[in-house]
PDB file of N, CA and C in Angstrom:
ATOM      1  N   PRO A   1     102.515 100.612  98.542  1.00  0.00           N
ATOM      2  CA  PRO A   1     103.773 100.858  97.409  1.00  0.00           C
ATOM      3  C   PRO A   1     103.086 101.471  96.221  1.00  0.00           C
ATOM      4  N   ASP A   2     103.979 102.312  95.525  1.00  0.00           N
ATOM      5  CA  ASP A   2     103.766 102.833  94.396  1.00  0.00           C
ATOM      6  C   ASP A   2     103.507 101.877  93.302  1.00  0.00           C
ATOM      7  N   PRO A   3     102.106 102.248  92.794  1.00  0.00           N
ATOM      8  CA  PRO A   3     101.803 101.371  91.649  1.00  0.00           C
ATOM      9  C   PRO A   3     102.598 101.512  90.303  1.00  0.00           C
ATOM     10  N   VAL A   4     103.204 102.669  90.151  1.00  0.00           N
ATOM     11  CA  VAL A   4     104.086 102.797  88.899  1.00  0.00           C
ATOM     12  C   VAL A   4     105.325 101.953  89.071  1.00  0.00           C
ATOM     13  N   ALA A   5     105.949 102.054  90.213  1.00  0.00           N
ATOM     14  CA  ALA A   5     107.075 101.386  90.656  1.00  0.00           C
ATOM     15  C   ALA A   5     106.841  99.886  90.398  1.00  0.00           C
ATOM     16  N   LEU A   6     105.796  99.438  91.040  1.00  0.00           N
ATOM     17  CA  LEU A   6     105.378  97.910  90.933  1.00  0.00           C
ATOM     18  C   LEU A   6     105.238  97.429  89.431  1.00  0.00           C
ATOM     19  N   ARG A   7     104.648  98.272  88.603  1.00  0.00           N
ATOM     20  CA  ARG A   7     104.605  97.962  87.257  1.00  0.00           C
ATOM     21  C   ARG A   7     105.936  97.749  86.607  1.00  0.00           C
ATOM     22  N   GLY A   8     106.882  98.756  86.930  1.00  0.00           N
ATOM     23  CA  GLY A   8     108.212  98.496  86.516  1.00  0.00           C
ATOM     24  C   GLY A   8     108.972  97.442  86.769  1.00  0.00           C
ATOM     25  N   LEU A   9     108.566  96.919  88.157  1.00  0.00           N
ATOM     26  CA  LEU A   9     109.349  95.667  88.499  1.00  0.00           C
ATOM     27  C   LEU A   9     108.685  94.486  87.873  1.00  0.00           C
ATOM     28  N   VAL A  10     107.350  94.453  87.709  1.00  0.00           N
ATOM     29  CA  VAL A  10     106.720  93.523  86.920  1.00  0.00           C
ATOM     30  C   VAL A  10     107.356  93.282  85.381  1.00  0.00           C
ATOM     31  N   GLU A  11     107.490  94.512  84.771  1.00  0.00           N
ATOM     32  CA  GLU A  11     108.169  94.318  83.572  1.00  0.00           C
ATOM     33  C   GLU A  11     109.483  93.894  83.596  1.00  0.00           C
ATOM     34  N   LEU A  12     110.375  94.244  84.539  1.00  0.00           N
ATOM     35  CA  LEU A  12     111.610  93.590  84.572  1.00  0.00           C
ATOM     36  C   LEU A  12     111.618  91.944  84.814  1.00  0.00           C
ATOM     37  N   VAL A  13     110.756  91.612  85.651  1.00  0.00           N
ATOM     38  CA  VAL A  13     110.627  90.072  86.014  1.00  0.00           C
ATOM     39  C   VAL A  13     110.207  89.536  84.658  1.00  0.00           C
ATOM     40  N   GLU A  14     109.210  90.066  83.874  1.00  0.00           N
ATOM     41  CA  GLU A  14     108.631  89.494  82.672  1.00  0.00           C
ATOM     42  C   GLU A  14     109.783  89.328  81.420  1.00  0.00           C
ATOM     43  N   GLN A  15     110.693  90.429  81.651  1.00  0.00           N
ATOM     44  CA  GLN A  15     111.795  90.429  80.704  1.00  0.00           C
ATOM     45  C   GLN A  15     112.909  89.669  80.983  1.00  0.00           C
ATOM     46  N   GLY A  16     112.837  88.909  82.196  1.00  0.00           N
ATOM     47  CA  GLY A  16     113.980  88.023  82.801  1.00  0.00           C
ATOM     48  C   GLY A  16     115.326  88.838  83.200  1.00  0.00           C
ATOM     49  N   ARG A  17     114.852  90.225  83.513  1.00  0.00           N
ATOM     50  CA  ARG A  17     116.040  90.975  83.838  1.00  0.00           C
ATOM     51  C   ARG A  17     116.090  91.162  85.476  1.00  0.00           C
ATOM     52  N   LEU A  18     115.130  90.766  85.953  1.00  0.00           N
ATOM     53  CA  LEU A  18     114.976  90.713  87.513  1.00  0.00           C
ATOM     54  C   LEU A  18     114.633  89.410  88.039  1.00  0.00           C
ATOM     55  N   ARG A  19     115.593  88.840  88.867  1.00  0.00           N
ATOM     56  CA  ARG A  19     115.041  87.422  89.462  1.00  0.00           C
ATOM     57  C   ARG A  19     115.316  87.680  90.930  1.00  0.00           C
ATOM     58  N   VAL A  20     114.345  86.943  91.739  1.00  0.00           N
ATOM     59  CA  VAL A  20     114.232  86.800  93.003  1.00  0.00           C
ATOM     60  C   VAL A  20     114.553  85.494  93.540  1.00  0.00           C
ATOM     61  N   HIS A  21     115.650  85.319  94.344  1.00  0.00           N
ATOM     62  CA  HIS A  21     115.982  84.041  94.958  1.00  0.00           C
ATOM     63  C   HIS A  21     115.140  83.597  95.996  1.00  0.00           C
ATOM     64  N   VAL A  22     114.344  82.607  96.112  1.00  0.00           N
ATOM     65  CA  VAL A  22     113.415  82.219  97.056  1.00  0.00           C
ATOM     66  C   VAL A  22     114.206  81.116  97.841  1.00  0.00           C
ATOM     67  N   GLN A  23     114.518  81.164  99.022  1.00  0.00           N
ATOM     68  CA  GLN A  23     115.112  80.281  99.803  1.00  0.00           C
ATOM     69  C   GLN A  23     114.240  79.292 100.159  1.00  0.00           C
ATOM     70  N   GLU A  24     112.920  79.321 100.653  1.00  0.00           N
ATOM     71  CA  GLU A  24     111.993  78.407 100.889  1.00  0.00           C
ATOM     72  C   GLU A  24     110.626  78.724 100.914  1.00  0.00           C
ATOM     73  N   THR A  25     109.766  77.794 100.555  1.00  0.00           N
ATOM     74  CA  THR A  25     108.314  78.254 100.421  1.00  0.00           C
ATOM     75  C   THR A  25     107.648  77.327 101.454  1.00  0.00           C
ATOM     76  N   PHE A  26     106.741  78.246 102.154  1.00  0.00           N
ATOM     77  CA  PHE A  26     105.997  77.481 103.315  1.00  0.00           C
ATOM     78  C   PHE A  26     104.431  77.504 103.158  1.00  0.00           C
ATOM     79  N   PRO A  27     103.611  76.422 103.444  1.00  0.00           N
ATOM     80  CA  PRO A  27     102.274  76.568 103.379  1.00  0.00           C
ATOM     81  C   PRO A  27     101.856  77.561 104.685  1.00  0.00           C
ATOM     82  N   PHE A  28     100.714  78.324 104.496  1.00  0.00           N
ATOM     83  CA  PHE A  28     100.364  79.203 105.397  1.00  0.00           C
ATOM     84  C   PHE A  28     100.217  78.518 106.831  1.00  0.00           C
ATOM     85  N   GLU A  29     100.013  77.340 106.789  1.00  0.00           N
ATOM     86  CA  GLU A  29      99.801  76.480 108.121  1.00  0.00           C
ATOM     87  C   GLU A  29     101.172  76.638 108.734  1.00  0.00           C
ATOM     88  N   ARG A  30     102.204  76.714 108.163  1.00  0.00           N
ATOM     89  CA  ARG A  30     103.507  76.636 108.895  1.00  0.00           C
ATOM     90  C   ARG A  30     104.285  78.012 108.966  1.00  0.00           C
ATOM     91  N   VAL A  31     103.441  79.149 109.113  1.00  0.00           N
ATOM     92  CA  VAL A  31     103.833  80.389 109.177  1.00  0.00           C
ATOM     93  C   VAL A  31     104.935  80.487 110.373  1.00  0.00           C
ATOM     94  N   THR A  32     104.541  79.728 111.475  1.00  0.00           N
ATOM     95  CA  THR A  32     105.550  79.715 112.644  1.00  0.00           C
ATOM     96  C   THR A  32     106.816  79.309 112.397  1.00  0.00           C
ATOM     97  N   ASP A  33     107.004  78.135 111.448  1.00  0.00           N
ATOM     98  CA  ASP A  33     108.290  77.720 111.112  1.00  0.00           C
ATOM     99  C   ASP A  33     109.013  78.844 110.242  1.00  0.00           C
ATOM    100  N   ALA A  34     108.256  79.403 109.370  1.00  0.00           N
ATOM    101  CA  ALA A  34     108.826  80.424 108.549  1.00  0.00           C
ATOM    102  C   ALA A  34     109.413  81.744 109.298  1.00  0.00           C
ATOM    103  N   HIS A  35     108.526  81.993 110.380  1.00  0.00           N
ATOM    104  CA  HIS A  35     108.877  83.256 111.169  1.00  0.00           C
ATOM    105  C   HIS A  35     110.093  82.886 111.931  1.00  0.00           C
ATOM    106  N   ARG A  36     110.344  81.436 112.468  1.00  0.00           N
ATOM    107  CA  ARG A  36     111.416  80.977 113.270  1.00  0.00           C
ATOM    108  C   ARG A  36     112.694  81.169 112.277  1.00  0.00           C
ATOM    109  N   MET A  37     112.550  80.914 111.006  1.00  0.00           N
ATOM    110  CA  MET A  37     113.656  80.864 110.164  1.00  0.00           C
ATOM    111  C   MET A  37     114.082  82.217 109.976  1.00  0.00           C
ATOM    112  N   LEU A  38     113.125  83.127 109.755  1.00  0.00           N
ATOM    113  CA  LEU A  38     113.336  84.486 109.544  1.00  0.00           C
ATOM    114  C   LEU A  38     114.062  85.331 110.835  1.00  0.00           C
ATOM    115  N   ASP A  39     113.683  84.821 112.004  1.00  0.00           N
ATOM    116  CA  ASP A  39     114.225  85.320 113.320  1.00  0.00           C
ATOM    117  C   ASP A  39     115.619  84.773 113.376  1.00  0.00           C
ATOM    118  N   GLY A  40     115.993  83.673 112.921  1.00  0.00           N
ATOM    119  CA  GLY A  40     117.267  83.186 112.930  1.00  0.00           C
ATOM    120  C   GLY A  40     118.410  83.662 112.074  1.00  0.00           C
ATOM    121  N   GLY A  41     117.940  84.404 111.113  1.00  0.00           N
ATOM    122  CA  GLY A  41     118.826  85.302 110.365  1.00  0.00           C
ATOM    123  C   GLY A  41     119.517  84.403 109.198  1.00  0.00           C
ATOM    124  N   HIS A  42     120.558  84.798 108.599  1.00  0.00           N
ATOM    125  CA  HIS A  42     121.532  84.098 107.695  1.00  0.00           C
ATOM    126  C   HIS A  42     120.606  83.687 106.539  1.00  0.00           C
ATOM    127  N   LEU A  43     119.703  84.341 106.103  1.00  0.00           N
ATOM    128  CA  LEU A  43     118.860  83.899 104.877  1.00  0.00           C
ATOM    129  C   LEU A  43     119.688  84.252 103.527  1.00  0.00           C
ATOM    130  N   GLN A  44     119.515  83.392 102.673  1.00  0.00           N
ATOM    131  CA  GLN A  44     120.148  83.573 101.390  1.00  0.00           C
ATOM    132  C   GLN A  44     119.126  83.964 100.282  1.00  0.00           C
ATOM    133  N   GLY A  45     117.971  84.272 100.739  1.00  0.00           N
ATOM    134  CA  GLY A  45     116.775  84.589  99.739  1.00  0.00           C
ATOM    135  C   GLY A  45     115.577  84.878 100.344  1.00  0.00           C
ATOM    136  N   LYS A  46     114.557  84.878  99.784  1.00  0.00           N
ATOM    137  CA  LYS A  46     113.191  85.287 100.397  1.00  0.00           C
ATOM    138  C   LYS A  46     112.569  84.101 100.808  1.00  0.00           C
ATOM    139  N   LEU A  47     111.704  84.287 101.870  1.00  0.00           N
ATOM    140  CA  LEU A  47     110.732  83.391 102.173  1.00  0.00           C
ATOM    141  C   LEU A  47     109.117  83.550 101.856  1.00  0.00           C
ATOM    142  N   VAL A  48     108.568  82.541 101.170  1.00  0.00           N
ATOM    143  CA  VAL A  48     107.293  82.625 100.687  1.00  0.00           C
ATOM    144  C   VAL A  48     106.267  81.930 101.215  1.00  0.00           C
ATOM    145  N   LEU A  49     105.236  82.651 101.678  1.00  0.00           N
ATOM    146  CA  LEU A  49     104.024  81.861 102.246  1.00  0.00           C
ATOM    147  C   LEU A  49     102.891  81.776 101.105  1.00  0.00           C
ATOM    148  N   THR A  50     102.460  80.378 101.104  1.00  0.00           N
ATOM    149  CA  THR A  50     101.588  80.172 100.200  1.00  0.00           C
ATOM    150  C   THR A  50     100.056  79.835 100.856  1.00  0.00           C
ATOM    151  N   VAL A  51      98.914  80.190 100.286  1.00  0.00           N
ATOM    152  CA  VAL A  51      97.552  80.027 100.848  1.00  0.00           C
ATOM    153  C   VAL A  51      97.003  78.690 100.051  1.00  0.00           C
TER     154      VAL A  51
END
């Protein structure tokens, strides 16, 4: 990704002008469940994996 564009996105998030809807957060151990949900479609937000 373009570092300049990423900095711009970070600034928007910090200003509260850009929000990302997270549908669900999965621990890395449940990556299979996250992938299954992604394959199922009909998502209303992003899926997040945590370590």
